[in-house]
């Protein structure tokens, strides 16, 4: 018995779900191939990663805003303004969240540094805590953007 006969026989039985025709299976395969191409497109990856990074950037800016976690030492707002995201076509599967030139000292606060004047080690992380607090939003933003791109 060939596959066409099996499909016809199964479609005729009561209580069973209809089995897709060969044409339906071919259409499904083409749709899946199209989805695969969209998902692997670098521009799609960029859009999804940027959407995923946005909640982290916003939270890191909130933490470092004037009067935020740095209190009286935080006067210019340069660190908060310089926090952003960067995507590169050379590495399309990742996006970097960090500081621009104006906030070059953000890495010292994130990792910690020794203040010679006050003889104390200072550590004010803000990127990692921003990511940790927005972890679920990051995933949701990615899923939402994929659905938007794929039309679902």
N, C-alpha and C. Protein backbone atom coordinates (compact mmCIF):
# COMPACT_ATOMS: atom_id res chain seq x y z
N UNK A 1 0.85 -1.17 0.00
CA UNK A 1 0.00 0.00 0.00
C UNK A 1 0.90 1.24 0.00
N UNK A 2 0.69 2.16 -0.93
CA UNK A 2 1.53 3.35 -0.99
C UNK A 2 0.98 4.43 -0.05
N UNK A 3 1.73 5.53 0.10
CA UNK A 3 1.36 6.56 1.07
C UNK A 3 0.04 7.24 0.71
N UNK A 4 -0.26 7.37 -0.58
CA UNK A 4 -1.51 8.00 -1.00
C UNK A 4 -2.70 7.16 -0.52
N UNK A 5 -2.61 5.86 -0.66
CA UNK A 5 -3.69 4.98 -0.21
C UNK A 5 -3.86 5.01 1.31
N UNK A 6 -2.74 5.09 2.02
CA UNK A 6 -2.80 5.15 3.48
C UNK A 6 -3.52 6.42 3.92
N UNK A 7 -3.17 7.56 3.29
CA UNK A 7 -3.80 8.83 3.62
C UNK A 7 -5.29 8.78 3.36
N UNK A 8 -5.68 8.23 2.21
CA UNK A 8 -7.10 8.13 1.87
C UNK A 8 -7.82 7.23 2.87
N UNK A 9 -7.21 6.13 3.25
CA UNK A 9 -7.83 5.20 4.18
C UNK A 9 -7.99 5.85 5.56
N UNK A 10 -6.95 6.57 6.05
CA UNK A 10 -7.02 7.22 7.35
C UNK A 10 -8.04 8.35 7.36
N UNK A 11 -8.14 9.09 6.26
CA UNK A 11 -9.11 10.18 6.18
C UNK A 11 -10.54 9.66 6.24
N UNK A 12 -10.77 8.45 5.80
CA UNK A 12 -12.11 7.88 5.77
C UNK A 12 -12.56 7.35 7.12
N UNK A 13 -11.65 7.12 8.07
CA UNK A 13 -12.02 6.56 9.37
C UNK A 13 -12.67 7.62 10.25
N UNK A 14 -13.66 7.21 10.99
CA UNK A 14 -14.31 8.15 11.90
C UNK A 14 -13.51 8.23 13.21
N UNK A 15 -13.55 9.41 13.83
CA UNK A 15 -12.88 9.59 15.11
C UNK A 15 -11.41 9.94 14.99
N UNK A 16 -10.86 9.91 13.80
CA UNK A 16 -9.45 10.27 13.63
C UNK A 16 -9.35 11.64 12.97
N UNK A 17 -8.29 12.33 13.32
CA UNK A 17 -8.06 13.61 12.66
C UNK A 17 -7.66 13.36 11.22
N UNK A 18 -8.07 14.24 10.33
CA UNK A 18 -7.66 14.06 8.94
C UNK A 18 -6.15 14.23 8.80
N UNK A 19 -5.59 13.40 7.98
CA UNK A 19 -4.15 13.47 7.70
C UNK A 19 -3.96 14.44 6.55
N UNK A 20 -2.99 15.34 6.65
CA UNK A 20 -2.80 16.30 5.57
C UNK A 20 -2.44 15.61 4.26
N UNK A 21 -2.87 16.23 3.19
CA UNK A 21 -2.55 15.69 1.88
C UNK A 21 -1.08 15.95 1.57
N UNK A 22 -0.60 15.32 0.52
CA UNK A 22 0.80 15.55 0.12
C UNK A 22 1.01 17.02 -0.21
N UNK A 23 0.01 17.65 -0.82
CA UNK A 23 0.12 19.06 -1.17
C UNK A 23 0.19 19.90 0.12
N UNK A 24 -0.59 19.55 1.12
CA UNK A 24 -0.59 20.26 2.40
C UNK A 24 0.76 20.14 3.10
N UNK A 25 1.35 18.96 3.02
CA UNK A 25 2.66 18.75 3.63
C UNK A 25 3.72 19.57 2.91
N UNK A 26 3.63 19.62 1.58
CA UNK A 26 4.58 20.43 0.81
C UNK A 26 4.45 21.90 1.14
N UNK A 27 3.21 22.39 1.30
CA UNK A 27 2.98 23.78 1.68
C UNK A 27 3.56 24.07 3.06
N UNK A 28 3.35 23.12 3.99
CA UNK A 28 3.89 23.26 5.33
C UNK A 28 5.42 23.33 5.29
N UNK A 29 6.03 22.48 4.50
CA UNK A 29 7.49 22.47 4.37
C UNK A 29 8.00 23.81 3.82
N UNK A 30 7.30 24.36 2.83
CA UNK A 30 7.69 25.66 2.27
C UNK A 30 7.54 26.77 3.30
N UNK A 31 6.45 26.73 4.08
CA UNK A 31 6.24 27.73 5.13
C UNK A 31 7.34 27.65 6.19
N UNK A 32 7.68 26.42 6.59
CA UNK A 32 8.74 26.25 7.58
C UNK A 32 10.09 26.73 7.06
N UNK A 33 10.34 26.48 5.79
CA UNK A 33 11.59 26.95 5.17
C UNK A 33 11.63 28.48 5.16
N UNK A 34 10.50 29.11 4.85
CA UNK A 34 10.43 30.57 4.83
C UNK A 34 10.66 31.14 6.23
N UNK A 35 10.07 30.51 7.24
CA UNK A 35 10.26 30.94 8.63
C UNK A 35 11.74 30.81 9.01
N UNK A 36 12.36 29.71 8.63
CA UNK A 36 13.78 29.50 8.91
C UNK A 36 14.66 30.57 8.29
N UNK A 37 14.34 30.96 7.06
CA UNK A 37 15.10 32.02 6.40
C UNK A 37 14.92 33.36 7.10
N UNK A 38 13.69 33.66 7.53
CA UNK A 38 13.45 34.92 8.23
C UNK A 38 14.19 34.95 9.57
N UNK A 39 14.14 33.85 10.29
CA UNK A 39 14.78 33.79 11.61
C UNK A 39 16.30 33.92 11.50
N UNK A 40 16.89 33.34 10.47
CA UNK A 40 18.34 33.38 10.34
C UNK A 40 18.85 34.63 9.64
N UNK A 41 17.96 35.50 9.16
CA UNK A 41 18.35 36.74 8.51
C UNK A 41 19.02 37.67 9.53
N UNK A 42 20.21 38.22 9.23
CA UNK A 42 20.90 39.10 10.17
C UNK A 42 20.07 40.32 10.60
N UNK A 43 19.28 40.87 9.70
CA UNK A 43 18.46 42.03 10.06
C UNK A 43 17.39 41.65 11.09
N UNK A 44 16.83 40.45 10.94
CA UNK A 44 15.85 39.96 11.93
C UNK A 44 16.53 39.79 13.28
N UNK A 45 17.71 39.18 13.27
CA UNK A 45 18.45 38.99 14.53
C UNK A 45 18.72 40.33 15.19
N UNK A 46 19.11 41.32 14.39
CA UNK A 46 19.39 42.65 14.93
C UNK A 46 18.15 43.24 15.60
N UNK A 47 17.01 43.17 14.91
CA UNK A 47 15.78 43.73 15.46
C UNK A 47 15.38 43.03 16.77
N UNK A 48 15.50 41.72 16.79
CA UNK A 48 15.12 40.95 17.98
C UNK A 48 16.07 41.26 19.14
N UNK A 49 17.38 41.26 18.87
CA UNK A 49 18.35 41.54 19.93
C UNK A 49 18.21 42.96 20.46
N UNK A 50 17.94 43.92 19.58
CA UNK A 50 17.75 45.30 20.04
C UNK A 50 16.51 45.41 20.92
N UNK A 51 15.45 44.71 20.56
CA UNK A 51 14.24 44.70 21.38
C UNK A 51 14.51 44.06 22.74
N UNK A 52 15.34 43.02 22.75
CA UNK A 52 15.67 42.34 23.99
C UNK A 52 16.57 43.20 24.88
N UNK A 53 17.44 44.00 24.29
CA UNK A 53 18.38 44.82 25.06
C UNK A 53 17.72 46.06 25.65
N UNK A 54 16.65 46.52 25.04
CA UNK A 54 16.03 47.78 25.46
C UNK A 54 15.63 47.83 26.93
N UNK A 55 14.98 46.79 27.51
CA UNK A 55 14.64 46.86 28.93
C UNK A 55 15.88 46.96 29.83
N UNK A 56 16.96 46.32 29.44
CA UNK A 56 18.20 46.37 30.22
C UNK A 56 18.79 47.78 30.17
N UNK A 57 18.83 48.37 28.98
CA UNK A 57 19.36 49.72 28.83
C UNK A 57 18.55 50.71 29.67
N UNK A 58 17.23 50.61 29.58
CA UNK A 58 16.37 51.53 30.35
C UNK A 58 16.60 51.39 31.85
N UNK A 59 16.71 50.15 32.33
CA UNK A 59 16.91 49.92 33.76
C UNK A 59 18.29 50.40 34.20
N UNK A 60 19.32 50.15 33.41
CA UNK A 60 20.67 50.62 33.76
C UNK A 60 20.71 52.14 33.81
N UNK A 61 20.02 52.79 32.89
CA UNK A 61 19.95 54.26 32.90
C UNK A 61 19.20 54.75 34.14
N UNK A 62 18.16 54.03 34.52
CA UNK A 62 17.40 54.42 35.72
C UNK A 62 18.28 54.31 36.97
N UNK A 63 19.04 53.23 37.05
CA UNK A 63 19.89 53.01 38.22
C UNK A 63 20.96 54.10 38.33
N UNK A 64 21.50 54.51 37.21
CA UNK A 64 22.63 55.45 37.22
C UNK A 64 22.21 56.91 37.04
N UNK A 65 20.93 57.20 37.00
CA UNK A 65 20.48 58.58 36.79
C UNK A 65 20.97 59.46 37.94
N UNK A 66 21.05 60.76 37.73
CA UNK A 66 21.45 61.66 38.82
C UNK A 66 20.54 61.46 40.03
N UNK A 67 21.17 61.30 41.19
CA UNK A 67 20.42 61.04 42.41
C UNK A 67 20.07 59.58 42.58
N UNK A 68 20.51 58.74 41.67
CA UNK A 68 20.24 57.31 41.74
C UNK A 68 21.21 56.63 42.70
N UNK A 69 21.73 55.51 42.32
CA UNK A 69 22.55 54.73 43.25
C UNK A 69 23.87 55.40 43.62
N UNK A 70 24.33 56.35 42.81
CA UNK A 70 25.60 57.01 43.12
C UNK A 70 25.40 58.24 44.01
N UNK A 71 24.15 58.57 44.27
CA UNK A 71 23.81 59.65 45.20
C UNK A 71 24.48 60.97 44.90
N UNK A 72 25.12 61.53 45.92
CA UNK A 72 25.70 62.87 45.79
C UNK A 72 26.88 62.92 44.83
N UNK A 73 27.48 61.77 44.51
CA UNK A 73 28.63 61.75 43.61
C UNK A 73 28.20 61.82 42.14
N UNK A 74 26.94 61.58 41.90
CA UNK A 74 26.41 61.50 40.55
C UNK A 74 25.82 62.84 40.16
N UNK A 75 26.63 63.70 39.49
CA UNK A 75 26.18 65.06 39.22
C UNK A 75 25.95 65.37 37.75
N UNK A 76 26.73 64.80 36.86
CA UNK A 76 26.67 65.21 35.45
C UNK A 76 25.63 64.47 34.63
N UNK A 77 25.34 63.24 34.97
CA UNK A 77 24.42 62.44 34.17
C UNK A 77 25.09 61.79 32.97
N UNK A 78 26.42 61.97 32.82
CA UNK A 78 27.13 61.43 31.66
C UNK A 78 27.08 59.90 31.60
N UNK A 79 27.21 59.25 32.73
CA UNK A 79 27.20 57.79 32.73
C UNK A 79 25.84 57.28 32.25
N UNK A 80 24.78 57.82 32.81
CA UNK A 80 23.44 57.40 32.42
C UNK A 80 23.18 57.66 30.93
N UNK A 81 23.57 58.85 30.46
CA UNK A 81 23.36 59.21 29.06
C UNK A 81 24.16 58.32 28.11
N UNK A 82 25.31 57.83 28.57
CA UNK A 82 26.19 57.07 27.67
C UNK A 82 25.83 55.60 27.55
N UNK A 83 24.96 55.10 28.41
CA UNK A 83 24.59 53.68 28.37
C UNK A 83 23.74 53.42 27.12
N UNK A 84 24.14 52.40 26.38
CA UNK A 84 23.42 52.08 25.16
C UNK A 84 23.69 50.65 24.73
N UNK A 85 23.26 50.34 23.51
CA UNK A 85 23.43 48.99 22.97
C UNK A 85 24.11 49.09 21.62
N UNK A 86 24.84 48.02 21.28
CA UNK A 86 25.57 48.00 20.01
C UNK A 86 25.52 46.61 19.41
N UNK A 87 25.09 46.54 18.17
CA UNK A 87 25.01 45.27 17.43
C UNK A 87 26.00 45.35 16.28
N UNK A 88 26.64 44.25 15.97
CA UNK A 88 27.61 44.23 14.88
C UNK A 88 27.28 43.09 13.91
N UNK A 89 27.31 43.37 12.59
CA UNK A 89 27.07 42.30 11.62
C UNK A 89 28.18 41.24 11.64
N UNK A 90 29.33 41.60 12.22
CA UNK A 90 30.43 40.63 12.34
C UNK A 90 30.08 39.52 13.33
N UNK A 91 29.24 39.84 14.30
CA UNK A 91 28.79 38.85 15.27
C UNK A 91 27.28 39.04 15.46
N UNK A 92 26.48 38.55 14.49
CA UNK A 92 25.05 38.86 14.49
C UNK A 92 24.22 38.18 15.58
N UNK A 93 24.83 37.29 16.34
CA UNK A 93 24.07 36.56 17.36
C UNK A 93 24.19 37.17 18.75
N UNK A 94 24.81 38.34 18.86
CA UNK A 94 24.91 38.98 20.17
C UNK A 94 24.78 40.49 20.04
N UNK A 95 24.41 41.10 21.14
CA UNK A 95 24.34 42.56 21.23
C UNK A 95 25.03 42.95 22.53
N UNK A 96 25.75 44.05 22.49
CA UNK A 96 26.47 44.50 23.68
C UNK A 96 25.73 45.67 24.31
N UNK A 97 25.62 45.63 25.61
CA UNK A 97 25.06 46.73 26.38
C UNK A 97 26.20 47.27 27.23
N UNK A 98 26.44 48.56 27.12
CA UNK A 98 27.55 49.14 27.87
C UNK A 98 27.56 50.65 27.78
N UNK A 99 28.76 51.22 27.87
CA UNK A 99 28.93 52.65 27.98
C UNK A 99 29.61 53.23 26.75
N UNK A 100 29.27 54.47 26.46
CA UNK A 100 29.94 55.20 25.40
C UNK A 100 31.15 55.92 25.98
N UNK A 101 31.78 56.77 25.17
CA UNK A 101 32.99 57.48 25.60
C UNK A 101 32.75 58.36 26.82
N UNK A 102 31.61 59.03 26.88
CA UNK A 102 31.32 59.93 28.01
C UNK A 102 31.23 59.17 29.34
N UNK A 103 30.88 57.93 29.28
CA UNK A 103 30.73 57.13 30.50
C UNK A 103 31.78 56.05 30.61
N UNK A 104 32.99 56.33 30.13
CA UNK A 104 34.07 55.33 30.13
C UNK A 104 34.32 54.75 31.50
N UNK A 105 34.04 55.51 32.55
CA UNK A 105 34.31 55.07 33.91
C UNK A 105 33.25 54.10 34.44
N UNK A 106 32.21 53.85 33.65
CA UNK A 106 31.16 52.92 34.07
C UNK A 106 31.70 51.53 34.36
N UNK A 107 32.70 51.11 33.57
CA UNK A 107 33.26 49.78 33.80
C UNK A 107 33.96 49.68 35.15
N UNK A 108 34.52 50.80 35.65
CA UNK A 108 35.16 50.77 36.96
C UNK A 108 34.11 50.58 38.06
N UNK A 109 32.98 51.26 37.92
CA UNK A 109 31.92 51.11 38.91
C UNK A 109 31.29 49.71 38.83
N UNK A 110 31.16 49.20 37.62
CA UNK A 110 30.57 47.87 37.44
C UNK A 110 31.43 46.78 38.08
N UNK A 111 32.71 46.83 37.84
CA UNK A 111 33.64 45.79 38.33
C UNK A 111 34.26 46.12 39.68
N UNK A 112 34.31 47.41 40.00
CA UNK A 112 34.90 47.85 41.25
C UNK A 112 36.28 48.43 41.05
N UNK A 113 36.66 49.35 41.94
CA UNK A 113 37.99 49.98 41.89
C UNK A 113 38.37 50.44 43.28
N UNK A 114 39.66 50.64 43.47
CA UNK A 114 40.16 51.11 44.75
C UNK A 114 40.34 52.62 44.69
N UNK A 115 39.68 53.34 45.59
CA UNK A 115 39.80 54.79 45.67
C UNK A 115 40.95 55.10 46.61
N UNK A 116 42.04 55.61 46.04
CA UNK A 116 43.25 55.89 46.84
C UNK A 116 43.02 57.00 47.86
N UNK A 117 42.23 58.00 47.49
CA UNK A 117 42.00 59.13 48.38
C UNK A 117 41.32 58.69 49.67
N UNK A 118 40.28 57.85 49.57
CA UNK A 118 39.52 57.42 50.74
C UNK A 118 39.93 56.03 51.22
N UNK A 119 40.86 55.41 50.50
CA UNK A 119 41.37 54.07 50.85
C UNK A 119 40.22 53.07 51.06
N UNK A 120 39.38 53.01 50.03
CA UNK A 120 38.24 52.11 50.09
C UNK A 120 37.99 51.54 48.69
N UNK A 121 37.52 50.29 48.66
CA UNK A 121 37.17 49.66 47.39
C UNK A 121 35.72 50.00 47.09
N UNK A 122 35.46 50.56 45.93
CA UNK A 122 34.13 50.99 45.54
C UNK A 122 33.63 50.12 44.40
N UNK A 123 32.42 49.61 44.56
CA UNK A 123 31.81 48.79 43.51
C UNK A 123 30.32 49.12 43.46
N UNK A 124 29.90 49.67 42.32
CA UNK A 124 28.49 50.02 42.11
C UNK A 124 28.01 49.40 40.80
N UNK A 125 27.80 48.09 40.78
CA UNK A 125 27.35 47.48 39.52
C UNK A 125 25.97 47.99 39.12
N UNK A 126 25.76 48.12 37.82
CA UNK A 126 24.47 48.60 37.34
C UNK A 126 24.02 47.87 36.07
N UNK A 127 24.94 47.40 35.24
CA UNK A 127 24.54 46.65 34.04
C UNK A 127 24.04 45.26 34.43
N UNK A 128 24.82 44.54 35.23
CA UNK A 128 24.43 43.19 35.65
C UNK A 128 23.12 43.21 36.45
N UNK A 129 22.97 44.09 37.44
CA UNK A 129 21.69 44.13 38.15
C UNK A 129 20.52 44.51 37.24
N UNK A 130 20.77 45.37 36.26
CA UNK A 130 19.71 45.73 35.31
C UNK A 130 19.27 44.51 34.52
N UNK A 131 20.24 43.72 34.08
CA UNK A 131 19.91 42.50 33.33
C UNK A 131 19.16 41.51 34.22
N UNK A 132 19.66 41.31 35.42
CA UNK A 132 19.04 40.34 36.33
C UNK A 132 17.60 40.73 36.66
N UNK A 133 17.35 42.02 36.86
CA UNK A 133 16.00 42.44 37.23
C UNK A 133 15.04 42.45 36.04
N UNK A 134 15.56 42.48 34.84
CA UNK A 134 14.72 42.54 33.64
C UNK A 134 14.79 41.26 32.81
N UNK A 135 15.30 40.20 33.39
CA UNK A 135 15.48 38.94 32.66
C UNK A 135 14.20 38.45 31.97
N UNK A 136 13.08 38.46 32.67
CA UNK A 136 11.83 37.96 32.06
C UNK A 136 11.36 38.91 30.96
N UNK A 137 11.54 40.22 31.15
CA UNK A 137 11.15 41.18 30.12
C UNK A 137 12.01 41.02 28.86
N UNK A 138 13.27 40.66 29.05
CA UNK A 138 14.17 40.45 27.91
C UNK A 138 13.63 39.32 27.03
N UNK A 139 13.30 38.20 27.65
CA UNK A 139 12.77 37.06 26.90
C UNK A 139 11.44 37.39 26.23
N UNK A 140 10.56 38.06 26.96
CA UNK A 140 9.26 38.43 26.41
C UNK A 140 9.40 39.38 25.23
N UNK A 141 10.33 40.34 25.33
CA UNK A 141 10.54 41.29 24.24
C UNK A 141 11.02 40.58 22.98
N UNK A 142 11.90 39.59 23.17
CA UNK A 142 12.39 38.81 22.03
C UNK A 142 11.29 38.02 21.35
N UNK A 143 10.46 37.36 22.15
CA UNK A 143 9.35 36.58 21.61
C UNK A 143 8.36 37.49 20.88
N UNK A 144 8.05 38.62 21.50
CA UNK A 144 7.11 39.56 20.90
C UNK A 144 7.63 40.06 19.54
N UNK A 145 8.92 40.37 19.47
CA UNK A 145 9.50 40.88 18.22
C UNK A 145 9.51 39.79 17.15
N UNK A 146 9.84 38.54 17.54
CA UNK A 146 9.79 37.43 16.56
C UNK A 146 8.37 37.26 16.02
N UNK A 147 7.39 37.31 16.89
CA UNK A 147 5.99 37.16 16.46
C UNK A 147 5.63 38.29 15.49
N UNK A 148 6.05 39.50 15.81
CA UNK A 148 5.77 40.65 14.95
C UNK A 148 6.40 40.46 13.57
N UNK A 149 7.63 40.01 13.53
CA UNK A 149 8.34 39.81 12.26
C UNK A 149 7.73 38.67 11.46
N UNK A 150 7.35 37.60 12.14
CA UNK A 150 6.81 36.42 11.45
C UNK A 150 5.32 36.55 11.15
N UNK A 151 4.72 37.62 11.62
CA UNK A 151 3.31 37.85 11.33
C UNK A 151 2.37 37.04 12.19
N UNK A 152 2.77 36.75 13.41
CA UNK A 152 1.89 35.96 14.26
C UNK A 152 1.69 36.62 15.51
